[in-house]
């Protein structure tokens, strides 16, 4: 009860303070230092694999918690799917992750984060970092559309940009709404959460970003990345001053987080491996790099055959498929018999 009361109070404080205080660990965003520098740490899908039933964050995240605190990041931005089952897992997250995390944490909710009542933080959220702005959007709320108060928040930054008071805009969302309707990007993220009938990104949102891009650098950072993605990062300059990014972990050897060292005149991007695996320069992970690696799975190891058999034979999804196939075969056989009479 005390923990729940503390959660409510921290959420109220975050809203009243303009989202400058984390609703997860209560840490306050201090803003840039005297030189205008600040550091962003970016990742997502912190629950790890979709099969994770432990109720704890990904092992690669928890194992690096001390290192995360030591990065000196001013903000930890989560690109969604912080939890896999929020109501079940929130107490474990609080003790194992939030209470030990010294960096202010903010999350753009993903589909799993909305499956429950725990940590339902109001969206959009806006964070000011000197002359830069950070907006966190809920792309689940309106099935990928950015509208209502979320579109209003974007237009408010556009107005500031037209007045010359904004240098950069970072937009954090779970769904890569910028890939919907784009032939090149959509095929790279075919297994991701997306709208049923299309969204308003191309028609309403992108024109606003283009108007801003004459004065402002825009980075749209998302986190819905299917489990067989070839890397934890996608980094694609789309148009002048508009860059699309995906960043998320899956509790795999490839897990990495994105670090942005932001200065008044430049951003230094680097990818930080959570497992010690080698990583490339950030700009290597563009659409060409991803296209060249589509369909490449893990190396097959014959010793895994017993495990894979057990995994499939004990999966309800496997048996649903078997039953469906048998019903279809039975229906076809009955039609065939009737046709022969």
Protein backbone atom coordinates (compact mmCIF):
# COMPACT_ATOMS: atom_id res chain seq x y z
CA UNK A 1 0.00 0.00 0.00
CA UNK A 2 2.83 2.41 0.87
CA UNK A 3 4.59 1.62 -2.40
CA UNK A 4 1.40 2.24 -4.39
CA UNK A 5 0.87 5.57 -2.62
CA UNK A 6 4.46 6.54 -3.40
CA UNK A 7 3.89 5.63 -7.06
CA UNK A 8 0.79 7.83 -7.27
CA UNK A 9 2.58 10.76 -5.65
CA UNK A 10 5.60 10.43 -7.96
CA UNK A 11 3.33 10.33 -11.03
CA UNK A 12 1.47 13.43 -9.87
CA UNK A 13 4.81 15.17 -9.24
CA UNK A 14 6.04 14.21 -12.71
CA UNK A 15 2.97 15.69 -14.38
CA UNK A 16 3.00 18.88 -12.30
CA UNK A 17 6.74 19.35 -12.93
CA UNK A 18 6.34 19.09 -16.70
CA UNK A 19 7.64 15.50 -16.75
CA UNK A 20 11.04 16.57 -15.41
CA UNK A 21 10.85 13.96 -12.64
CA UNK A 22 10.82 10.26 -13.46
CA UNK A 23 7.53 8.54 -12.57
CA UNK A 24 9.44 5.26 -12.14
CA UNK A 25 12.32 6.04 -9.81
CA UNK A 26 11.54 9.63 -8.79
CA UNK A 27 14.87 10.97 -10.05
CA UNK A 28 14.87 14.57 -11.25
CA UNK A 29 16.21 15.68 -14.63
CA UNK A 30 18.84 18.30 -13.88
CA UNK A 31 19.30 19.59 -17.44
CA UNK A 32 22.49 20.42 -19.36
CA UNK A 33 25.68 21.39 -17.53
CA UNK A 34 27.32 24.81 -17.66
CA UNK A 35 28.73 24.09 -21.15
CA UNK A 36 25.34 23.01 -22.51
CA UNK A 37 26.31 19.32 -22.59
CA UNK A 38 24.06 16.44 -21.55
CA UNK A 39 24.03 12.70 -22.15
CA UNK A 40 21.10 10.52 -23.24
CA UNK A 41 21.04 6.75 -22.73
CA UNK A 42 18.48 5.08 -24.98
CA UNK A 43 17.12 1.55 -25.12
CA UNK A 44 13.86 -0.34 -25.03
CA UNK A 45 12.09 -3.68 -24.73
CA UNK A 46 13.66 -3.96 -21.28
CA UNK A 47 11.55 -7.02 -20.43
CA UNK A 48 13.81 -8.90 -22.84
CA UNK A 49 12.53 -11.94 -24.70
CA UNK A 50 8.80 -12.32 -25.27
CA UNK A 51 9.01 -15.68 -23.47
CA UNK A 52 10.42 -14.11 -20.29
CA UNK A 53 8.19 -15.36 -17.46
CA UNK A 54 10.46 -14.34 -14.57
CA UNK A 55 8.76 -11.02 -13.91
CA UNK A 56 12.16 -9.28 -13.92
CA UNK A 57 13.81 -7.13 -16.59
CA UNK A 58 16.17 -8.69 -19.12
CA UNK A 59 19.31 -10.23 -17.65
CA UNK A 60 21.47 -8.04 -19.89
CA UNK A 61 19.88 -4.95 -18.35
CA UNK A 62 20.06 -6.06 -14.71
CA UNK A 63 23.64 -7.30 -15.12
CA UNK A 64 24.66 -3.83 -16.32
CA UNK A 65 22.74 -1.78 -13.77
CA UNK A 66 25.88 -0.56 -12.03
CA UNK A 67 27.44 0.27 -15.39
CA UNK A 68 24.27 2.12 -16.44
CA UNK A 69 24.53 4.25 -13.31
CA UNK A 70 28.19 4.88 -14.09
CA UNK A 71 27.54 6.18 -17.62
CA UNK A 72 26.84 9.63 -16.23
CA UNK A 73 23.67 9.81 -18.33
CA UNK A 74 21.27 12.62 -17.52
CA UNK A 75 18.31 10.62 -18.85
CA UNK A 76 17.43 7.01 -19.60
CA UNK A 77 14.83 6.96 -22.38
CA UNK A 78 12.96 3.69 -22.86
CA UNK A 79 11.37 3.08 -26.25
CA UNK A 80 8.57 0.95 -24.83
CA UNK A 81 7.72 -2.55 -23.63
CA UNK A 82 9.37 -1.79 -20.32
CA UNK A 83 7.26 -4.61 -18.82
CA UNK A 84 5.84 -7.78 -20.28
CA UNK A 85 2.98 -7.94 -17.71
CA UNK A 86 2.93 -4.69 -15.71
CA UNK A 87 0.49 -5.70 -12.96
CA UNK A 88 2.34 -8.95 -12.27
CA UNK A 89 5.86 -7.56 -12.61
CA UNK A 90 5.75 -4.02 -11.21
CA UNK A 91 6.77 -4.96 -7.65
CA UNK A 92 9.77 -6.98 -8.91
CA UNK A 93 10.81 -4.12 -11.19
CA UNK A 94 10.57 -1.65 -8.31
CA UNK A 95 12.97 -3.56 -6.06
CA UNK A 96 15.33 -5.03 -8.66
CA UNK A 97 15.49 -2.13 -11.13
CA UNK A 98 13.83 1.18 -10.28
CA UNK A 99 15.06 1.46 -6.67
CA UNK A 100 18.66 0.80 -7.78
CA UNK A 101 18.59 2.96 -10.92
CA UNK A 102 20.24 6.34 -10.38
CA UNK A 103 19.35 7.79 -13.80
CA UNK A 104 15.91 9.39 -14.36
CA UNK A 105 13.89 6.89 -16.38
CA UNK A 106 11.12 7.76 -18.86
CA UNK A 107 9.18 5.29 -21.01
CA UNK A 108 7.13 5.66 -24.19
CA UNK A 109 4.54 2.90 -23.61
CA UNK A 110 4.45 -0.16 -25.81
CA UNK A 111 1.70 -2.73 -26.29
CA UNK A 112 2.77 -4.76 -23.24
CA UNK A 113 2.95 -1.67 -21.02
CA UNK A 114 -0.74 -1.00 -21.71
CA UNK A 115 -1.82 -4.51 -20.67
CA UNK A 116 -2.68 -3.65 -17.07
CA UNK A 117 -3.02 -0.77 -14.63
CA UNK A 118 0.45 -0.44 -13.10
CA UNK A 119 2.56 2.57 -14.09
CA UNK A 120 -0.01 4.06 -16.46
CA UNK A 121 1.79 7.35 -16.96
CA UNK A 122 -0.13 10.11 -18.79
CA UNK A 123 1.06 10.87 -22.30
CA UNK A 124 2.42 12.87 -24.02
CA UNK A 125 5.38 13.80 -21.85
CA UNK A 126 7.64 16.74 -22.58
CA UNK A 127 11.15 17.25 -21.23
CA UNK A 128 13.15 20.41 -21.77
CA UNK A 129 16.93 20.17 -22.06
CA UNK A 130 18.14 23.73 -22.59
CA UNK A 131 17.26 24.60 -26.18
CA UNK A 132 16.34 20.98 -26.98
CA UNK A 133 12.99 19.24 -26.51
CA UNK A 134 12.10 15.61 -25.85
CA UNK A 135 8.57 14.34 -26.50
CA UNK A 136 7.37 10.89 -25.46
CA UNK A 137 4.31 9.62 -27.34
CA UNK A 138 1.89 6.73 -26.77
CA UNK A 139 1.51 5.08 -30.18
CA UNK A 140 -0.81 2.41 -28.74
CA UNK A 141 -3.53 4.86 -27.72
CA UNK A 142 -4.81 5.75 -31.20
CA UNK A 143 -3.44 2.76 -33.14
CA UNK A 144 -0.31 4.58 -34.40
CA UNK A 145 -2.02 7.93 -35.06
CA UNK A 146 -0.47 11.01 -33.49
CA UNK A 147 -3.47 13.18 -32.75
CA UNK A 148 -5.25 15.12 -30.00
CA UNK A 149 -2.98 16.36 -27.23
CA UNK A 150 -0.01 14.47 -28.72
CA UNK A 151 -0.33 16.31 -32.04
CA UNK A 152 -0.82 19.54 -30.08
CA UNK A 153 2.45 18.91 -28.21
CA UNK A 154 4.26 18.51 -31.53
CA UNK A 155 2.70 21.69 -32.89
CA UNK A 156 3.75 23.56 -29.75
CA UNK A 157 7.38 22.62 -30.41
CA UNK A 158 6.93 23.65 -34.04
CA UNK A 159 5.83 27.08 -32.84
CA UNK A 160 8.89 27.35 -30.61
CA UNK A 161 11.07 26.31 -33.54
CA UNK A 162 9.54 29.02 -35.74
CA UNK A 163 10.47 31.55 -33.03
CA UNK A 164 14.06 30.30 -33.03
CA UNK A 165 14.08 28.93 -29.49
CA UNK A 166 14.62 25.22 -30.28
CA UNK A 167 17.68 23.51 -31.76
CA UNK A 168 16.73 19.81 -31.60
CA UNK A 169 13.69 17.63 -31.11
CA UNK A 170 13.89 14.02 -29.91
CA UNK A 171 10.63 12.07 -30.25
CA UNK A 172 10.39 8.74 -28.39
CA UNK A 173 7.72 6.20 -29.32
CA UNK A 174 7.31 2.44 -29.26
CA UNK A 175 5.94 1.89 -32.75
CA UNK A 176 8.08 3.11 -35.64
CA UNK A 177 5.12 4.97 -37.11
CA UNK A 178 7.50 6.52 -39.64
CA UNK A 179 7.92 3.08 -41.24
CA UNK A 180 4.20 2.54 -41.86
CA UNK A 181 3.41 3.23 -45.48
CA UNK A 182 7.09 3.48 -46.40
CA UNK A 183 7.98 0.59 -48.72
CA UNK A 184 11.64 0.52 -47.76
CA UNK A 185 11.34 0.71 -43.98
CA UNK A 186 8.12 -1.27 -43.55
CA UNK A 187 9.64 -4.50 -44.89
CA UNK A 188 12.54 -4.22 -42.42
CA UNK A 189 10.11 -4.22 -39.47
CA UNK A 190 7.42 -6.55 -40.78
CA UNK A 191 7.08 -8.38 -37.45
CA UNK A 192 6.59 -5.22 -35.39
CA UNK A 193 3.54 -3.75 -33.72
CA UNK A 194 1.73 -1.57 -36.25
CA UNK A 195 -1.68 -0.12 -37.07
CA UNK A 196 -4.46 -2.16 -38.62
CA UNK A 197 -5.44 0.29 -41.34
CA UNK A 198 -2.56 2.77 -41.59
CA UNK A 199 -1.77 5.92 -39.65
CA UNK A 200 -1.55 9.67 -40.10
CA UNK A 201 2.23 9.94 -40.03
CA UNK A 202 2.76 10.67 -43.73
CA UNK A 203 -0.30 12.93 -44.06
CA UNK A 204 -0.19 15.00 -40.85
CA UNK A 205 2.98 14.42 -38.84
CA UNK A 206 5.77 14.36 -41.44
CA UNK A 207 4.74 17.75 -42.93
CA UNK A 208 5.20 19.31 -39.47
CA UNK A 209 8.62 17.71 -39.11
CA UNK A 210 9.63 18.95 -42.55
CA UNK A 211 8.66 22.49 -41.66
CA UNK A 212 10.73 22.26 -38.49
CA UNK A 213 13.70 20.63 -40.24
CA UNK A 214 14.66 23.93 -41.82
CA UNK A 215 15.69 25.15 -38.37
CA UNK A 216 15.71 22.10 -36.08
CA UNK A 217 17.34 18.65 -36.07
CA UNK A 218 14.63 16.00 -35.61
CA UNK A 219 15.33 12.49 -34.31
CA UNK A 220 12.41 10.04 -34.08
CA UNK A 221 13.49 7.09 -31.91
CA UNK A 222 11.31 3.98 -31.63
CA UNK A 223 11.64 0.53 -30.10
CA UNK A 224 9.29 -2.07 -31.59
CA UNK A 225 11.86 -4.51 -33.01
CA UNK A 226 10.98 -8.14 -33.65
CA UNK A 227 13.06 -10.79 -31.90
CA UNK A 228 14.97 -11.81 -35.04
CA UNK A 229 16.25 -8.30 -35.75
CA UNK A 230 19.93 -8.39 -36.80
CA UNK A 231 21.00 -5.68 -34.33
CA UNK A 232 19.79 -3.60 -31.41
CA UNK A 233 20.03 -0.45 -33.51
CA UNK A 234 18.65 1.01 -36.72
CA UNK A 235 19.96 4.47 -37.63
CA UNK A 236 18.77 6.07 -40.86
CA UNK A 237 19.10 9.72 -41.92
CA UNK A 238 15.83 10.00 -43.85
CA UNK A 239 15.84 13.59 -45.07
CA UNK A 240 17.94 16.65 -44.22
CA UNK A 241 17.66 17.10 -40.44
CA UNK A 242 15.22 14.18 -40.02
CA UNK A 243 16.68 10.91 -38.73
CA UNK A 244 14.81 7.67 -37.93
CA UNK A 245 16.19 5.42 -35.19
CA UNK A 246 15.16 2.12 -33.61
CA UNK A 247 16.81 0.88 -30.42
CA UNK A 248 15.83 -2.07 -28.22
CA UNK A 249 17.24 -5.13 -26.45
CA UNK A 250 15.92 -8.71 -26.49
CA UNK A 251 18.08 -10.41 -23.83
CA UNK A 252 20.50 -11.64 -26.49
CA UNK A 253 24.22 -11.39 -27.17
CA UNK A 254 23.56 -8.52 -29.59
CA UNK A 255 21.96 -6.37 -26.84
CA UNK A 256 23.22 -2.80 -26.85
CA UNK A 257 22.07 0.68 -25.88
CA UNK A 258 22.50 3.97 -27.69
CA UNK A 259 24.39 6.86 -26.10
CA UNK A 260 24.06 10.42 -27.33
CA UNK A 261 26.46 13.06 -26.04
CA UNK A 262 24.68 16.27 -26.90
CA UNK A 263 26.56 19.56 -27.10
CA UNK A 264 25.22 22.92 -28.32
CA UNK A 265 26.79 22.41 -31.76
CA UNK A 266 26.91 18.63 -32.25
CA UNK A 267 25.79 15.15 -31.15
CA UNK A 268 28.24 12.29 -30.71
CA UNK A 269 26.40 8.97 -31.09
CA UNK A 270 27.82 5.63 -29.99
CA UNK A 271 26.50 2.13 -29.43
CA UNK A 272 27.26 0.51 -26.07
CA UNK A 273 27.26 -3.30 -26.00
CA UNK A 274 25.73 -4.85 -22.88
CA UNK A 275 27.52 -8.17 -23.43
CA UNK A 276 30.98 -7.18 -24.67
CA UNK A 277 30.17 -8.14 -28.26
CA UNK A 278 31.84 -5.93 -30.90
CA UNK A 279 29.69 -3.15 -32.31
CA UNK A 280 29.96 -0.96 -35.40
CA UNK A 281 29.85 2.79 -35.75
CA UNK A 282 26.29 3.97 -35.29
CA UNK A 283 25.83 5.14 -38.87
CA UNK A 284 26.68 1.68 -40.19
CA UNK A 285 23.29 0.35 -39.01
CA UNK A 286 21.28 2.01 -41.77
CA UNK A 287 18.63 0.57 -44.11
CA UNK A 288 21.27 -0.87 -46.46
CA UNK A 289 22.91 -2.74 -43.56
CA UNK A 290 19.55 -4.13 -42.42
CA UNK A 291 18.45 -5.09 -45.92
CA UNK A 292 21.65 -7.09 -46.43
CA UNK A 293 20.88 -9.12 -43.30
CA UNK A 294 17.18 -9.81 -43.72
CA UNK A 295 16.25 -13.45 -43.25
CA UNK A 296 19.55 -14.42 -41.63
CA UNK A 297 18.77 -16.55 -38.60
CA UNK A 298 20.93 -18.06 -35.90
CA UNK A 299 23.44 -20.79 -36.73
CA UNK A 300 21.83 -24.22 -36.33
CA UNK A 301 23.23 -26.50 -33.64
CA UNK A 302 22.08 -30.14 -33.77
CA UNK A 303 22.42 -30.48 -30.01
CA UNK A 304 19.48 -28.09 -29.69
CA UNK A 305 17.10 -30.52 -31.43
CA UNK A 306 15.75 -32.10 -28.17
CA UNK A 307 15.23 -28.64 -26.70
CA UNK A 308 13.45 -27.35 -29.82
CA UNK A 309 11.21 -30.44 -29.96
CA UNK A 310 10.25 -30.03 -26.31
CA UNK A 311 9.71 -26.30 -26.75
CA UNK A 312 7.32 -26.83 -29.67
CA UNK A 313 5.49 -29.85 -28.29
CA UNK A 314 4.75 -28.04 -25.03
CA UNK A 315 3.66 -24.83 -26.73
CA UNK A 316 -0.11 -24.14 -26.89
CA UNK A 317 0.45 -22.29 -30.16
CA UNK A 318 1.84 -25.47 -31.75
CA UNK A 319 -1.21 -27.49 -30.73
CA UNK A 320 -3.60 -24.75 -31.86
CA UNK A 321 -1.96 -25.04 -35.26
CA UNK A 322 -2.22 -28.84 -35.25
CA UNK A 323 -5.93 -28.75 -34.31
CA UNK A 324 -6.66 -26.09 -36.92
CA UNK A 325 -4.87 -28.11 -39.61
CA UNK A 326 -6.79 -31.28 -38.65
CA UNK A 327 -10.11 -29.44 -38.74
CA UNK A 328 -9.31 -28.06 -42.19
CA UNK A 329 -8.30 -31.52 -43.43
CA UNK A 330 -11.48 -33.04 -41.97
CA UNK A 331 -13.63 -30.37 -43.60
CA UNK A 332 -11.92 -30.89 -46.94
CA UNK A 333 -12.35 -34.66 -46.68
CA UNK A 334 -16.07 -34.32 -45.89
CA UNK A 335 -16.59 -32.02 -48.87
CA UNK A 336 -14.68 -34.46 -51.08
CA UNK A 337 -16.83 -37.39 -49.94
CA UNK A 338 -20.05 -35.45 -50.52
CA UNK A 339 -18.86 -34.43 -53.98
CA UNK A 340 -18.25 -38.08 -54.91
CA UNK A 341 -21.79 -39.17 -54.02
